[in-house]
């Protein structure tokens, strides 16, 4: 899994590469996958997620969600992550439900600064990262997979899910269907997921009109 990306070390080599910005969210440890977690069939849209979220109104680290398209059948989001230094990373985001749990699939939108050499960028492989959405109201609670826990699980059972060990970095290579089965099985494992704190809706956006079927039913 292309995880355990240390942002402080990485930015010395890849300052211009926006898809590494998310690695700064949790001290640099971000489990990732070559394949997405959802197909269009599992994708859902919830307008309550739209807005800018932070720990408080003075916090410079924010997550901004907007609707990617006004087309009623398009359930994708755009997510912009801004760190405490004001640096931004833009992602295509898909919300989906697996069993009783909600997850967010993030994928870098590929925007690079104009002075990044093409020869350098062709060596970079964008990957998917997954966040568990524990709740949206009254505060947004998101959790990410603990890289050290997942690494131990894969070392203890190499057949648990398909992956490649690339010089100490584990890259999940399992199919979308296999990833979904894994997430369903371990979604309630509190040792595997680590929350990033309660986020408040500090700046709401005016949401685009949503179709009634877009919003998942609460059980």
N, C-alpha and C. Protein backbone atom coordinates (compact mmCIF):
# COMPACT_ATOMS: atom_id res chain seq x y z
N UNK A 1 0.84 -1.18 0.00
CA UNK A 1 0.00 0.00 0.00
C UNK A 1 0.87 1.24 0.00
N UNK A 2 0.62 2.16 -0.91
CA UNK A 2 1.39 3.41 -0.90
C UNK A 2 0.92 4.22 0.30
N UNK A 3 1.35 3.76 1.48
CA UNK A 3 0.95 4.45 2.67
C UNK A 3 2.21 4.91 3.37
N UNK A 4 2.06 5.33 4.64
CA UNK A 4 3.18 5.81 5.42
C UNK A 4 3.96 6.86 4.65
N UNK A 5 3.29 7.67 3.85
CA UNK A 5 3.96 8.75 3.14
C UNK A 5 4.22 9.87 4.14
N UNK A 6 5.48 10.15 4.42
CA UNK A 6 5.82 11.22 5.34
C UNK A 6 5.84 12.53 4.57
N UNK A 7 4.88 13.39 4.85
CA UNK A 7 4.72 14.60 4.04
C UNK A 7 5.92 15.52 4.14
N UNK A 8 6.51 15.64 5.35
CA UNK A 8 7.64 16.55 5.53
C UNK A 8 8.83 16.10 4.70
N UNK A 9 9.03 14.78 4.63
CA UNK A 9 10.14 14.27 3.83
C UNK A 9 9.80 14.35 2.34
N UNK A 10 8.55 14.02 2.01
CA UNK A 10 8.15 13.94 0.62
C UNK A 10 8.16 15.31 -0.05
N UNK A 11 7.77 16.37 0.69
CA UNK A 11 7.64 17.66 0.02
C UNK A 11 8.99 18.23 -0.42
N UNK A 12 10.10 17.71 0.15
CA UNK A 12 11.41 18.14 -0.31
C UNK A 12 11.67 17.63 -1.73
N UNK A 13 11.05 16.49 -2.07
CA UNK A 13 11.26 15.90 -3.39
C UNK A 13 10.10 16.22 -4.33
N UNK A 14 8.90 16.38 -3.78
CA UNK A 14 7.71 16.51 -4.63
C UNK A 14 6.84 17.66 -4.15
N UNK A 15 7.42 18.83 -3.97
CA UNK A 15 6.70 19.99 -3.46
C UNK A 15 5.50 20.33 -4.33
N UNK A 16 5.60 20.11 -5.62
CA UNK A 16 4.57 20.56 -6.55
C UNK A 16 3.46 19.54 -6.75
N UNK A 17 3.56 18.38 -6.16
CA UNK A 17 2.63 17.30 -6.45
C UNK A 17 1.48 17.32 -5.46
N UNK A 18 0.30 17.74 -5.94
CA UNK A 18 -0.81 17.98 -5.03
C UNK A 18 -1.37 16.71 -4.41
N UNK A 19 -1.20 15.57 -5.07
CA UNK A 19 -1.86 14.40 -4.50
C UNK A 19 -1.19 13.93 -3.21
N UNK A 20 -0.01 14.46 -2.89
CA UNK A 20 0.62 14.12 -1.61
C UNK A 20 0.11 14.98 -0.46
N UNK A 21 -0.65 16.03 -0.74
CA UNK A 21 -1.04 16.94 0.32
C UNK A 21 -1.88 16.27 1.40
N UNK A 22 -2.70 15.33 1.03
CA UNK A 22 -3.54 14.67 2.02
C UNK A 22 -2.70 13.93 3.06
N UNK A 23 -1.47 13.60 2.70
CA UNK A 23 -0.60 12.90 3.64
C UNK A 23 -0.30 13.72 4.88
N UNK A 24 -0.54 15.01 4.84
CA UNK A 24 -0.32 15.86 6.00
C UNK A 24 -1.45 15.83 6.99
N UNK A 25 -2.56 15.17 6.67
CA UNK A 25 -3.71 15.18 7.56
C UNK A 25 -3.42 14.46 8.87
N UNK A 26 -2.83 13.31 8.76
CA UNK A 26 -2.60 12.51 9.96
C UNK A 26 -1.12 12.15 10.08
N UNK A 27 -0.32 13.13 10.40
CA UNK A 27 1.11 12.93 10.63
C UNK A 27 1.78 12.13 9.53
N UNK A 28 1.22 12.17 8.33
CA UNK A 28 1.90 11.59 7.20
C UNK A 28 1.56 10.17 6.87
N UNK A 29 0.64 9.51 7.58
CA UNK A 29 0.36 8.10 7.31
C UNK A 29 -0.97 7.97 6.59
N UNK A 30 -0.93 7.57 5.32
CA UNK A 30 -2.15 7.50 4.53
C UNK A 30 -2.21 6.19 3.75
N UNK A 31 -3.01 5.23 4.20
CA UNK A 31 -3.20 4.01 3.41
C UNK A 31 -3.87 4.32 2.09
N UNK A 32 -3.45 3.62 1.03
CA UNK A 32 -3.96 3.92 -0.30
C UNK A 32 -4.16 2.66 -1.12
N UNK A 33 -4.81 2.82 -2.27
CA UNK A 33 -5.15 1.69 -3.12
C UNK A 33 -5.05 2.08 -4.59
N UNK A 34 -4.73 1.10 -5.43
CA UNK A 34 -4.70 1.36 -6.87
C UNK A 34 -6.10 1.46 -7.44
N UNK A 35 -7.06 0.79 -6.81
CA UNK A 35 -8.42 0.72 -7.36
C UNK A 35 -9.40 1.46 -6.46
N UNK A 36 -10.50 1.95 -7.03
CA UNK A 36 -11.50 2.67 -6.23
C UNK A 36 -12.30 1.74 -5.34
N UNK A 37 -12.94 2.33 -4.35
CA UNK A 37 -13.76 1.56 -3.42
C UNK A 37 -15.19 1.39 -3.93
N UNK A 38 -15.61 2.27 -4.82
CA UNK A 38 -17.00 2.24 -5.27
C UNK A 38 -17.11 2.23 -6.79
N UNK A 39 -18.22 1.68 -7.25
CA UNK A 39 -18.67 1.89 -8.62
C UNK A 39 -19.79 2.92 -8.55
N UNK A 40 -20.30 3.34 -9.68
CA UNK A 40 -21.40 4.30 -9.69
C UNK A 40 -22.63 3.74 -8.96
N UNK A 41 -22.76 2.43 -8.95
CA UNK A 41 -23.91 1.79 -8.33
C UNK A 41 -23.96 2.04 -6.84
N UNK A 42 -22.81 2.07 -6.18
CA UNK A 42 -22.79 2.27 -4.72
C UNK A 42 -22.72 3.74 -4.33
N UNK A 43 -22.47 4.62 -5.29
CA UNK A 43 -22.30 6.04 -4.97
C UNK A 43 -23.61 6.66 -4.50
N UNK A 44 -23.52 7.51 -3.49
CA UNK A 44 -24.67 8.24 -2.96
C UNK A 44 -24.27 9.71 -2.83
N UNK A 45 -25.26 10.56 -2.65
CA UNK A 45 -24.98 11.98 -2.47
C UNK A 45 -25.80 12.49 -1.30
N UNK A 46 -25.15 13.18 -0.40
CA UNK A 46 -25.80 13.77 0.76
C UNK A 46 -25.41 15.24 0.84
N UNK A 47 -26.39 16.12 0.67
CA UNK A 47 -26.11 17.55 0.67
C UNK A 47 -25.56 18.05 2.00
N UNK A 48 -25.81 17.32 3.06
CA UNK A 48 -25.33 17.76 4.38
C UNK A 48 -23.81 17.82 4.43
N UNK A 49 -23.15 17.12 3.53
CA UNK A 49 -21.69 17.12 3.53
C UNK A 49 -21.13 18.39 2.89
N UNK A 50 -21.91 19.06 2.07
CA UNK A 50 -21.44 20.24 1.35
C UNK A 50 -21.15 21.39 2.33
N UNK A 51 -20.00 22.00 2.17
CA UNK A 51 -19.61 23.11 3.02
C UNK A 51 -18.14 23.04 3.35
N UNK A 52 -17.68 23.94 4.20
CA UNK A 52 -16.30 23.95 4.66
C UNK A 52 -16.27 23.52 6.12
N UNK A 53 -15.47 22.52 6.41
CA UNK A 53 -15.42 21.92 7.75
C UNK A 53 -14.05 22.14 8.37
N UNK A 54 -14.05 22.45 9.66
CA UNK A 54 -12.80 22.64 10.41
C UNK A 54 -13.09 22.37 11.88
N UNK A 55 -12.06 22.28 12.67
CA UNK A 55 -12.26 22.03 14.10
C UNK A 55 -12.92 23.22 14.78
N UNK A 56 -12.62 24.43 14.29
CA UNK A 56 -13.33 25.62 14.75
C UNK A 56 -13.16 26.70 13.69
N UNK A 57 -13.83 27.82 13.87
CA UNK A 57 -13.84 28.86 12.85
C UNK A 57 -12.49 29.53 12.64
N UNK A 58 -11.57 29.35 13.58
CA UNK A 58 -10.23 29.95 13.47
C UNK A 58 -9.19 28.98 12.93
N UNK A 59 -9.59 27.74 12.72
CA UNK A 59 -8.65 26.72 12.27
C UNK A 59 -8.36 26.90 10.79
N UNK A 60 -7.10 26.93 10.41
CA UNK A 60 -6.72 27.12 9.01
C UNK A 60 -6.78 25.81 8.24
N UNK A 61 -6.75 24.68 8.93
CA UNK A 61 -6.84 23.38 8.25
C UNK A 61 -8.31 23.07 7.99
N UNK A 62 -8.69 22.95 6.73
CA UNK A 62 -10.10 22.79 6.39
C UNK A 62 -10.30 21.72 5.33
N UNK A 63 -11.54 21.21 5.30
CA UNK A 63 -12.00 20.30 4.26
C UNK A 63 -13.22 20.95 3.61
N UNK A 64 -13.14 21.23 2.33
CA UNK A 64 -14.26 21.86 1.64
C UNK A 64 -14.86 20.89 0.62
N UNK A 65 -16.17 20.66 0.76
CA UNK A 65 -16.88 19.78 -0.16
C UNK A 65 -17.86 20.58 -1.00
N UNK A 66 -17.83 20.37 -2.30
CA UNK A 66 -18.80 20.95 -3.21
C UNK A 66 -19.29 19.85 -4.13
N UNK A 67 -20.43 20.11 -4.77
CA UNK A 67 -20.93 19.15 -5.74
C UNK A 67 -20.14 19.30 -7.03
N UNK A 68 -19.69 18.17 -7.59
CA UNK A 68 -18.83 18.22 -8.77
C UNK A 68 -19.59 18.66 -10.01
N UNK A 69 -20.88 18.39 -10.05
CA UNK A 69 -21.66 18.72 -11.23
C UNK A 69 -23.11 18.96 -10.83
N UNK A 70 -23.79 19.81 -11.59
CA UNK A 70 -25.22 20.05 -11.34
C UNK A 70 -26.11 19.02 -12.01
N UNK A 71 -25.52 18.12 -12.75
CA UNK A 71 -26.31 17.06 -13.38
C UNK A 71 -26.90 16.17 -12.28
N UNK A 72 -28.20 15.91 -12.33
CA UNK A 72 -28.86 15.19 -11.23
C UNK A 72 -28.35 13.78 -11.00
N UNK A 73 -27.84 13.13 -12.04
CA UNK A 73 -27.35 11.76 -11.87
C UNK A 73 -25.89 11.68 -11.46
N UNK A 74 -25.24 12.84 -11.39
CA UNK A 74 -23.84 12.86 -10.98
C UNK A 74 -23.77 13.05 -9.47
N UNK A 75 -23.26 12.04 -8.77
CA UNK A 75 -23.23 12.06 -7.31
C UNK A 75 -21.84 12.33 -6.76
N UNK A 76 -20.95 12.82 -7.61
CA UNK A 76 -19.57 13.05 -7.19
C UNK A 76 -19.42 14.40 -6.49
N UNK A 77 -18.43 14.46 -5.61
CA UNK A 77 -18.04 15.69 -4.92
C UNK A 77 -16.67 16.14 -5.42
N UNK A 78 -16.37 17.40 -5.16
CA UNK A 78 -15.01 17.90 -5.19
C UNK A 78 -14.62 18.19 -3.75
N UNK A 79 -13.44 17.75 -3.34
CA UNK A 79 -12.97 18.06 -1.99
C UNK A 79 -11.65 18.80 -2.10
N UNK A 80 -11.57 19.93 -1.41
CA UNK A 80 -10.32 20.69 -1.34
C UNK A 80 -9.83 20.65 0.11
N UNK A 81 -8.65 20.08 0.28
CA UNK A 81 -8.04 20.05 1.60
C UNK A 81 -7.02 21.18 1.68
N UNK A 82 -7.13 22.02 2.71
CA UNK A 82 -6.19 23.12 2.93
C UNK A 82 -5.46 22.88 4.25
N UNK A 83 -4.13 22.90 4.21
CA UNK A 83 -3.39 22.66 5.45
C UNK A 83 -3.16 23.98 6.18
N UNK A 84 -2.48 23.91 7.30
CA UNK A 84 -2.30 25.09 8.15
C UNK A 84 -1.42 26.16 7.50
N UNK A 85 -0.67 25.80 6.46
CA UNK A 85 0.15 26.77 5.74
C UNK A 85 -0.58 27.36 4.53
N UNK A 86 -1.84 26.96 4.35
CA UNK A 86 -2.61 27.48 3.24
C UNK A 86 -2.42 26.73 1.94
N UNK A 87 -1.67 25.64 1.96
CA UNK A 87 -1.47 24.84 0.75
C UNK A 87 -2.68 23.95 0.51
N UNK A 88 -3.06 23.83 -0.76
CA UNK A 88 -4.30 23.14 -1.10
C UNK A 88 -4.05 21.89 -1.94
N UNK A 89 -4.88 20.90 -1.73
CA UNK A 89 -4.90 19.70 -2.56
C UNK A 89 -6.34 19.43 -2.97
N UNK A 90 -6.57 19.23 -4.26
CA UNK A 90 -7.92 19.03 -4.77
C UNK A 90 -8.13 17.56 -5.13
N UNK A 91 -9.31 17.06 -4.76
CA UNK A 91 -9.61 15.64 -4.95
C UNK A 91 -11.00 15.45 -5.54
N UNK A 92 -11.14 14.42 -6.36
CA UNK A 92 -12.45 13.92 -6.72
C UNK A 92 -12.87 12.99 -5.60
N UNK A 93 -14.08 13.18 -5.08
CA UNK A 93 -14.53 12.41 -3.92
C UNK A 93 -15.85 11.72 -4.23
N UNK A 94 -15.95 10.47 -3.80
CA UNK A 94 -17.18 9.70 -3.97
C UNK A 94 -17.60 9.15 -2.62
N UNK A 95 -18.84 9.42 -2.27
CA UNK A 95 -19.42 8.91 -1.02
C UNK A 95 -20.22 7.66 -1.35
N UNK A 96 -20.06 6.63 -0.53
CA UNK A 96 -20.79 5.38 -0.78
C UNK A 96 -21.08 4.66 0.52
N UNK A 97 -22.02 3.75 0.44
CA UNK A 97 -22.42 2.99 1.63
C UNK A 97 -22.13 1.52 1.41
N UNK A 98 -21.42 0.93 2.37
CA UNK A 98 -21.12 -0.50 2.36
C UNK A 98 -21.68 -1.10 3.63
N UNK A 99 -22.73 -1.90 3.51
CA UNK A 99 -23.40 -2.40 4.69
C UNK A 99 -24.02 -1.24 5.44
N UNK A 100 -23.68 -1.11 6.71
CA UNK A 100 -24.22 -0.02 7.52
C UNK A 100 -23.24 1.14 7.65
N UNK A 101 -22.09 1.06 6.97
CA UNK A 101 -21.05 2.08 7.11
C UNK A 101 -20.92 2.91 5.84
N UNK A 102 -20.57 4.20 6.05
CA UNK A 102 -20.35 5.12 4.95
C UNK A 102 -18.85 5.35 4.78
N UNK A 103 -18.40 5.42 3.53
CA UNK A 103 -16.99 5.67 3.24
C UNK A 103 -16.89 6.74 2.17
N UNK A 104 -15.74 7.39 2.17
CA UNK A 104 -15.43 8.40 1.17
C UNK A 104 -14.17 7.95 0.43
N UNK A 105 -14.27 7.91 -0.89
CA UNK A 105 -13.13 7.56 -1.74
C UNK A 105 -12.56 8.85 -2.31
N UNK A 106 -11.29 9.10 -2.06
CA UNK A 106 -10.63 10.32 -2.54
C UNK A 106 -9.61 9.97 -3.61
N UNK A 107 -9.59 10.78 -4.68
CA UNK A 107 -8.66 10.55 -5.78
C UNK A 107 -8.12 11.90 -6.24
N UNK A 108 -6.81 12.06 -6.33
CA UNK A 108 -6.24 13.37 -6.71
C UNK A 108 -6.70 13.78 -8.10
N UNK A 109 -6.99 15.06 -8.27
CA UNK A 109 -7.51 15.50 -9.56
C UNK A 109 -6.42 15.72 -10.60
N UNK A 110 -5.17 15.52 -10.20
CA UNK A 110 -4.08 15.53 -11.17
C UNK A 110 -3.53 16.90 -11.50
N UNK A 111 -4.01 17.95 -10.84
CA UNK A 111 -3.50 19.29 -11.13
C UNK A 111 -2.11 19.46 -10.51
N UNK A 112 -1.17 19.87 -11.34
CA UNK A 112 0.19 20.11 -10.89
C UNK A 112 0.58 21.53 -11.27
N UNK A 113 1.55 22.07 -10.57
CA UNK A 113 2.00 23.41 -10.90
C UNK A 113 2.73 23.40 -12.24
N UNK A 114 2.67 24.51 -12.94
CA UNK A 114 3.14 24.56 -14.32
C UNK A 114 4.63 24.31 -14.46
N UNK A 115 5.40 24.51 -13.39
CA UNK A 115 6.84 24.33 -13.52
C UNK A 115 7.30 22.93 -13.11
N UNK A 116 6.35 22.00 -12.93
CA UNK A 116 6.72 20.63 -12.64
C UNK A 116 7.12 19.94 -13.95
N UNK A 117 8.34 19.41 -14.05
CA UNK A 117 8.77 18.79 -15.30
C UNK A 117 7.90 17.59 -15.69
N UNK A 118 7.57 17.48 -16.97
CA UNK A 118 6.77 16.35 -17.44
C UNK A 118 7.48 15.03 -17.16
N UNK A 119 8.79 15.01 -17.32
CA UNK A 119 9.53 13.78 -17.10
C UNK A 119 9.39 13.30 -15.66
N UNK A 120 9.22 14.25 -14.73
CA UNK A 120 9.02 13.89 -13.34
C UNK A 120 7.61 13.37 -13.10
N UNK A 121 6.61 14.07 -13.63
CA UNK A 121 5.22 13.73 -13.33
C UNK A 121 4.80 12.39 -13.91
N UNK A 122 5.43 11.95 -15.03
CA UNK A 122 5.04 10.67 -15.59
C UNK A 122 5.46 9.50 -14.71
N UNK A 123 6.29 9.75 -13.72
CA UNK A 123 6.71 8.70 -12.80
C UNK A 123 5.82 8.61 -11.57
N UNK A 124 4.84 9.48 -11.46
CA UNK A 124 3.98 9.51 -10.29
C UNK A 124 2.71 8.73 -10.55
N UNK A 125 2.28 7.97 -9.56
CA UNK A 125 1.08 7.15 -9.69
C UNK A 125 0.01 7.63 -8.72
N UNK A 126 -1.05 8.27 -9.21
CA UNK A 126 -2.14 8.67 -8.31
C UNK A 126 -2.81 7.44 -7.71
N UNK A 127 -3.23 7.56 -6.48
CA UNK A 127 -3.86 6.43 -5.78
C UNK A 127 -5.12 6.89 -5.07
N UNK A 128 -5.94 5.93 -4.70
CA UNK A 128 -7.16 6.20 -3.95
C UNK A 128 -6.87 6.10 -2.46
N UNK A 129 -7.48 6.98 -1.69
CA UNK A 129 -7.44 6.87 -0.23
C UNK A 129 -8.88 6.83 0.27
N UNK A 130 -9.09 6.11 1.36
CA UNK A 130 -10.44 5.89 1.86
C UNK A 130 -10.60 6.45 3.27
N UNK A 131 -11.72 7.11 3.50
CA UNK A 131 -12.04 7.64 4.81
C UNK A 131 -13.41 7.11 5.23
N UNK A 132 -13.52 6.68 6.45
CA UNK A 132 -14.81 6.25 6.98
C UNK A 132 -15.56 7.48 7.49
N UNK A 133 -16.81 7.64 7.07
CA UNK A 133 -17.65 8.74 7.53
C UNK A 133 -18.51 8.20 8.66
N UNK A 134 -18.16 8.54 9.89
CA UNK A 134 -18.87 8.01 11.04
C UNK A 134 -20.17 8.77 11.29
N UNK A 135 -20.18 10.06 10.96
CA UNK A 135 -21.40 10.85 11.02
C UNK A 135 -21.15 12.17 10.31
N UNK A 136 -22.26 12.82 9.89
CA UNK A 136 -22.16 14.14 9.27
C UNK A 136 -22.78 15.20 10.16
N UNK A 137 -23.81 14.84 10.89
CA UNK A 137 -24.47 15.77 11.80
C UNK A 137 -24.43 15.21 13.22
N UNK A 138 -24.33 16.08 14.24
CA UNK A 138 -24.19 17.55 14.18
C UNK A 138 -22.78 18.01 13.85
N UNK A 139 -21.80 17.11 13.96
CA UNK A 139 -20.44 17.40 13.54
C UNK A 139 -19.99 16.31 12.57
N UNK A 140 -19.03 16.64 11.73
CA UNK A 140 -18.49 15.67 10.78
C UNK A 140 -17.39 14.87 11.46
N UNK A 141 -17.58 13.56 11.50
CA UNK A 141 -16.57 12.68 12.06
C UNK A 141 -16.06 11.75 10.97
N UNK A 142 -14.78 11.88 10.67
CA UNK A 142 -14.14 11.04 9.66
C UNK A 142 -13.00 10.27 10.31
N UNK A 143 -12.74 9.11 9.78
CA UNK A 143 -11.66 8.28 10.31
C UNK A 143 -10.89 7.68 9.15
N UNK A 144 -9.60 7.50 9.36
CA UNK A 144 -8.75 6.88 8.35
C UNK A 144 -8.13 5.60 8.92
N UNK A 145 -7.71 4.74 8.01
CA UNK A 145 -7.13 3.46 8.42
C UNK A 145 -5.75 3.70 9.04
N UNK A 146 -5.50 3.06 10.16
CA UNK A 146 -4.19 3.16 10.79
C UNK A 146 -3.19 2.35 9.97
N UNK A 147 -2.19 3.01 9.47
CA UNK A 147 -1.24 2.32 8.60
C UNK A 147 -0.48 1.22 9.32
N UNK A 148 -0.09 1.46 10.57
CA UNK A 148 0.69 0.44 11.29
C UNK A 148 -0.16 -0.79 11.58
N UNK A 149 -1.45 -0.60 11.88
CA UNK A 149 -2.34 -1.72 12.14
C UNK A 149 -2.56 -2.55 10.88
N UNK A 150 -2.83 -1.87 9.77
CA UNK A 150 -3.06 -2.60 8.52
C UNK A 150 -1.79 -3.30 8.06
N UNK A 151 -0.66 -2.65 8.25
CA UNK A 151 0.61 -3.29 7.90
C UNK A 151 0.82 -4.57 8.68
N UNK A 152 0.51 -4.54 9.97
CA UNK A 152 0.65 -5.74 10.81
C UNK A 152 -0.30 -6.84 10.34
N UNK A 153 -1.53 -6.45 10.00
CA UNK A 153 -2.51 -7.43 9.53
C UNK A 153 -2.03 -8.12 8.25
N UNK A 154 -1.44 -7.35 7.34
CA UNK A 154 -0.97 -7.91 6.08
C UNK A 154 0.27 -8.77 6.27
N UNK A 155 1.10 -8.41 7.21
CA UNK A 155 2.28 -9.24 7.49
C UNK A 155 1.87 -10.54 8.16
N UNK A 156 0.87 -10.46 9.06
CA UNK A 156 0.40 -11.67 9.75
C UNK A 156 -0.34 -12.60 8.81
N UNK A 157 -1.05 -12.03 7.85
CA UNK A 157 -1.83 -12.83 6.90
C UNK A 157 -1.68 -12.24 5.50
N UNK A 158 -0.66 -12.66 4.75
CA UNK A 158 -0.42 -12.10 3.42
C UNK A 158 -1.56 -12.35 2.44
N UNK A 159 -2.46 -13.29 2.77
CA UNK A 159 -3.58 -13.60 1.90
C UNK A 159 -4.85 -12.84 2.29
N UNK A 160 -4.74 -11.93 3.24
CA UNK A 160 -5.90 -11.19 3.72
C UNK A 160 -6.54 -10.39 2.61
N UNK A 161 -5.73 -9.69 1.83
CA UNK A 161 -6.19 -8.92 0.69
C UNK A 161 -4.98 -8.69 -0.21
N UNK A 162 -5.20 -8.56 -1.50
CA UNK A 162 -4.09 -8.45 -2.44
C UNK A 162 -3.34 -7.13 -2.25
N UNK A 163 -2.02 -7.24 -2.24
CA UNK A 163 -1.18 -6.05 -2.08
C UNK A 163 0.20 -6.34 -2.62
N UNK A 164 0.97 -5.26 -2.77
CA UNK A 164 2.37 -5.38 -3.14
C UNK A 164 3.19 -4.63 -2.11
N UNK A 165 4.32 -5.22 -1.73
CA UNK A 165 5.25 -4.57 -0.82
C UNK A 165 6.35 -3.93 -1.65
N UNK A 166 6.30 -2.62 -1.78
CA UNK A 166 7.27 -1.90 -2.58
C UNK A 166 8.27 -1.20 -1.67
N UNK A 167 9.35 -1.89 -1.40
CA UNK A 167 10.41 -1.35 -0.55
C UNK A 167 9.85 -0.86 0.79
N UNK A 168 9.03 -1.71 1.40
CA UNK A 168 8.47 -1.37 2.70
C UNK A 168 7.16 -0.63 2.65
N UNK A 169 6.71 -0.25 1.46
CA UNK A 169 5.42 0.40 1.31
C UNK A 169 4.42 -0.58 0.73
N UNK A 170 3.32 -0.75 1.41
CA UNK A 170 2.32 -1.72 1.00
C UNK A 170 1.26 -1.02 0.13
N UNK A 171 1.11 -1.50 -1.09
CA UNK A 171 0.16 -0.91 -2.02
C UNK A 171 -0.95 -1.93 -2.26
N UNK A 172 -2.18 -1.59 -1.89
CA UNK A 172 -3.30 -2.48 -2.13
C UNK A 172 -3.57 -2.58 -3.62
N UNK A 173 -3.65 -3.79 -4.13
CA UNK A 173 -3.92 -4.02 -5.55
C UNK A 173 -5.22 -4.78 -5.75
N UNK A 174 -5.98 -4.97 -4.71
CA UNK A 174 -7.24 -5.72 -4.79
C UNK A 174 -8.25 -4.98 -5.66
N UNK A 175 -9.18 -5.74 -6.23
CA UNK A 175 -10.23 -5.16 -7.05
C UNK A 175 -11.21 -4.39 -6.19
N UNK A 176 -12.06 -3.60 -6.83
CA UNK A 176 -13.08 -2.85 -6.11
C UNK A 176 -13.97 -3.78 -5.30
N UNK A 177 -14.38 -4.89 -5.88
CA UNK A 177 -15.24 -5.85 -5.17
C UNK A 177 -14.54 -6.41 -3.95
N UNK A 178 -13.27 -6.74 -4.08
CA UNK A 178 -12.50 -7.28 -2.95
C UNK A 178 -12.29 -6.23 -1.87
N UNK A 179 -12.06 -4.98 -2.28
CA UNK A 179 -11.92 -3.90 -1.31
C UNK A 179 -13.21 -3.71 -0.52
N UNK A 180 -14.34 -3.80 -1.20
CA UNK A 180 -15.62 -3.63 -0.53
C UNK A 180 -15.84 -4.72 0.52
N UNK A 181 -15.52 -5.95 0.18
CA UNK A 181 -15.68 -7.05 1.13
C UNK A 181 -14.77 -6.85 2.35
N UNK A 182 -13.56 -6.37 2.11
CA UNK A 182 -12.63 -6.11 3.20
C UNK A 182 -13.18 -5.02 4.12
N UNK A 183 -13.67 -3.93 3.54
CA UNK A 183 -14.20 -2.82 4.33
C UNK A 183 -15.44 -3.23 5.12
N UNK A 184 -16.31 -4.01 4.51
CA UNK A 184 -17.50 -4.48 5.21
C UNK A 184 -17.10 -5.32 6.43
N UNK A 185 -16.09 -6.14 6.26
CA UNK A 185 -15.66 -7.05 7.33
C UNK A 185 -15.03 -6.30 8.49
N UNK A 186 -14.26 -5.25 8.18
CA UNK A 186 -13.48 -4.58 9.23
C UNK A 186 -13.93 -3.16 9.53
N UNK A 187 -15.07 -2.75 9.00
CA UNK A 187 -15.51 -1.36 9.17
C UNK A 187 -15.76 -0.97 10.62
N UNK A 188 -16.08 -1.95 11.46
CA UNK A 188 -16.35 -1.66 12.87
C UNK A 188 -15.18 -1.99 13.78
N UNK A 189 -14.03 -2.27 13.18
CA UNK A 189 -12.83 -2.56 13.96
C UNK A 189 -12.22 -1.24 14.44
N UNK A 190 -12.41 -0.94 15.71
CA UNK A 190 -11.93 0.34 16.26
C UNK A 190 -10.41 0.42 16.30
N UNK A 191 -9.74 -0.73 16.28
CA UNK A 191 -8.28 -0.72 16.26
C UNK A 191 -7.73 -0.37 14.89
N UNK A 192 -8.56 -0.56 13.85
CA UNK A 192 -8.09 -0.33 12.49
C UNK A 192 -8.30 1.12 12.05
N UNK A 193 -9.35 1.77 12.57
CA UNK A 193 -9.67 3.13 12.14
C UNK A 193 -9.36 4.15 13.23
N UNK A 194 -8.84 5.28 12.79
CA UNK A 194 -8.48 6.36 13.71
C UNK A 194 -9.17 7.64 13.27
N UNK A 195 -9.94 8.23 14.18
CA UNK A 195 -10.66 9.45 13.87
C UNK A 195 -9.74 10.65 13.81
N UNK A 196 -10.17 11.67 13.07
CA UNK A 196 -9.36 12.90 12.97
C UNK A 196 -10.04 14.05 13.71
N UNK A 197 -10.98 13.72 14.59
CA UNK A 197 -11.61 14.75 15.41
C UNK A 197 -12.92 15.23 14.85
N UNK A 198 -13.69 15.91 15.68
CA UNK A 198 -14.97 16.48 15.26
C UNK A 198 -14.73 17.74 14.44
N UNK A 199 -15.36 17.81 13.28
CA UNK A 199 -15.25 18.99 12.42
C UNK A 199 -16.60 19.70 12.37
N UNK A 200 -16.53 21.02 12.49
CA UNK A 200 -17.75 21.82 12.47
C UNK A 200 -17.97 22.42 11.09
N UNK A 201 -19.22 22.70 10.80
CA UNK A 201 -19.62 23.28 9.52
C UNK A 201 -19.41 24.78 9.61
N UNK A 202 -18.17 25.23 9.37
CA UNK A 202 -17.82 26.63 9.64
C UNK A 202 -18.27 27.57 8.54
N UNK A 203 -18.26 27.11 7.28
CA UNK A 203 -18.72 27.94 6.17
C UNK A 203 -19.57 27.07 5.26
N UNK A 204 -20.88 27.16 5.38
CA UNK A 204 -21.72 26.36 4.50
C UNK A 204 -21.74 26.92 3.09
N UNK A 205 -21.79 26.05 2.12
CA UNK A 205 -21.97 26.46 0.74
C UNK A 205 -23.45 26.36 0.39
N UNK A 206 -23.86 27.07 -0.62
CA UNK A 206 -25.22 26.92 -1.12
C UNK A 206 -25.26 25.66 -1.96
N UNK A 207 -25.91 24.60 -1.48
CA UNK A 207 -25.88 23.33 -2.20
C UNK A 207 -26.68 23.37 -3.48
N UNK A 208 -26.21 22.59 -4.45
CA UNK A 208 -26.98 22.43 -5.67
C UNK A 208 -28.20 21.57 -5.38
N UNK A 209 -29.23 21.74 -6.17
CA UNK A 209 -30.45 20.96 -5.96
C UNK A 209 -30.15 19.49 -6.12
N UNK A 210 -30.64 18.69 -5.21
CA UNK A 210 -30.39 17.26 -5.24
C UNK A 210 -31.68 16.52 -5.55
N UNK A 211 -31.52 15.42 -6.22
CA UNK A 211 -32.67 14.57 -6.46
C UNK A 211 -33.05 13.87 -5.16
N UNK A 212 -34.34 13.58 -4.94
CA UNK A 212 -34.76 12.93 -3.69
C UNK A 212 -34.06 11.63 -3.43
N UNK A 213 -33.72 10.90 -4.49
CA UNK A 213 -33.09 9.59 -4.32
C UNK A 213 -31.59 9.69 -4.05
N UNK A 214 -31.05 10.89 -4.15
CA UNK A 214 -29.60 11.05 -3.93
C UNK A 214 -29.21 10.80 -2.49
N UNK A 215 -30.07 11.20 -1.55
CA UNK A 215 -29.72 11.17 -0.15
C UNK A 215 -30.03 9.79 0.44
N UNK A 216 -29.02 9.13 1.02
CA UNK A 216 -29.25 7.79 1.54
C UNK A 216 -30.22 7.80 2.72
N UNK A 217 -31.03 6.79 2.78
CA UNK A 217 -31.99 6.66 3.86
C UNK A 217 -31.28 6.24 5.14
N UNK A 218 -31.64 6.87 6.22
CA UNK A 218 -31.06 6.53 7.52
C UNK A 218 -31.86 5.39 8.15
N UNK A 219 -31.14 4.42 8.58
CA UNK A 219 -31.83 3.29 9.23
C UNK A 219 -32.00 3.56 10.72
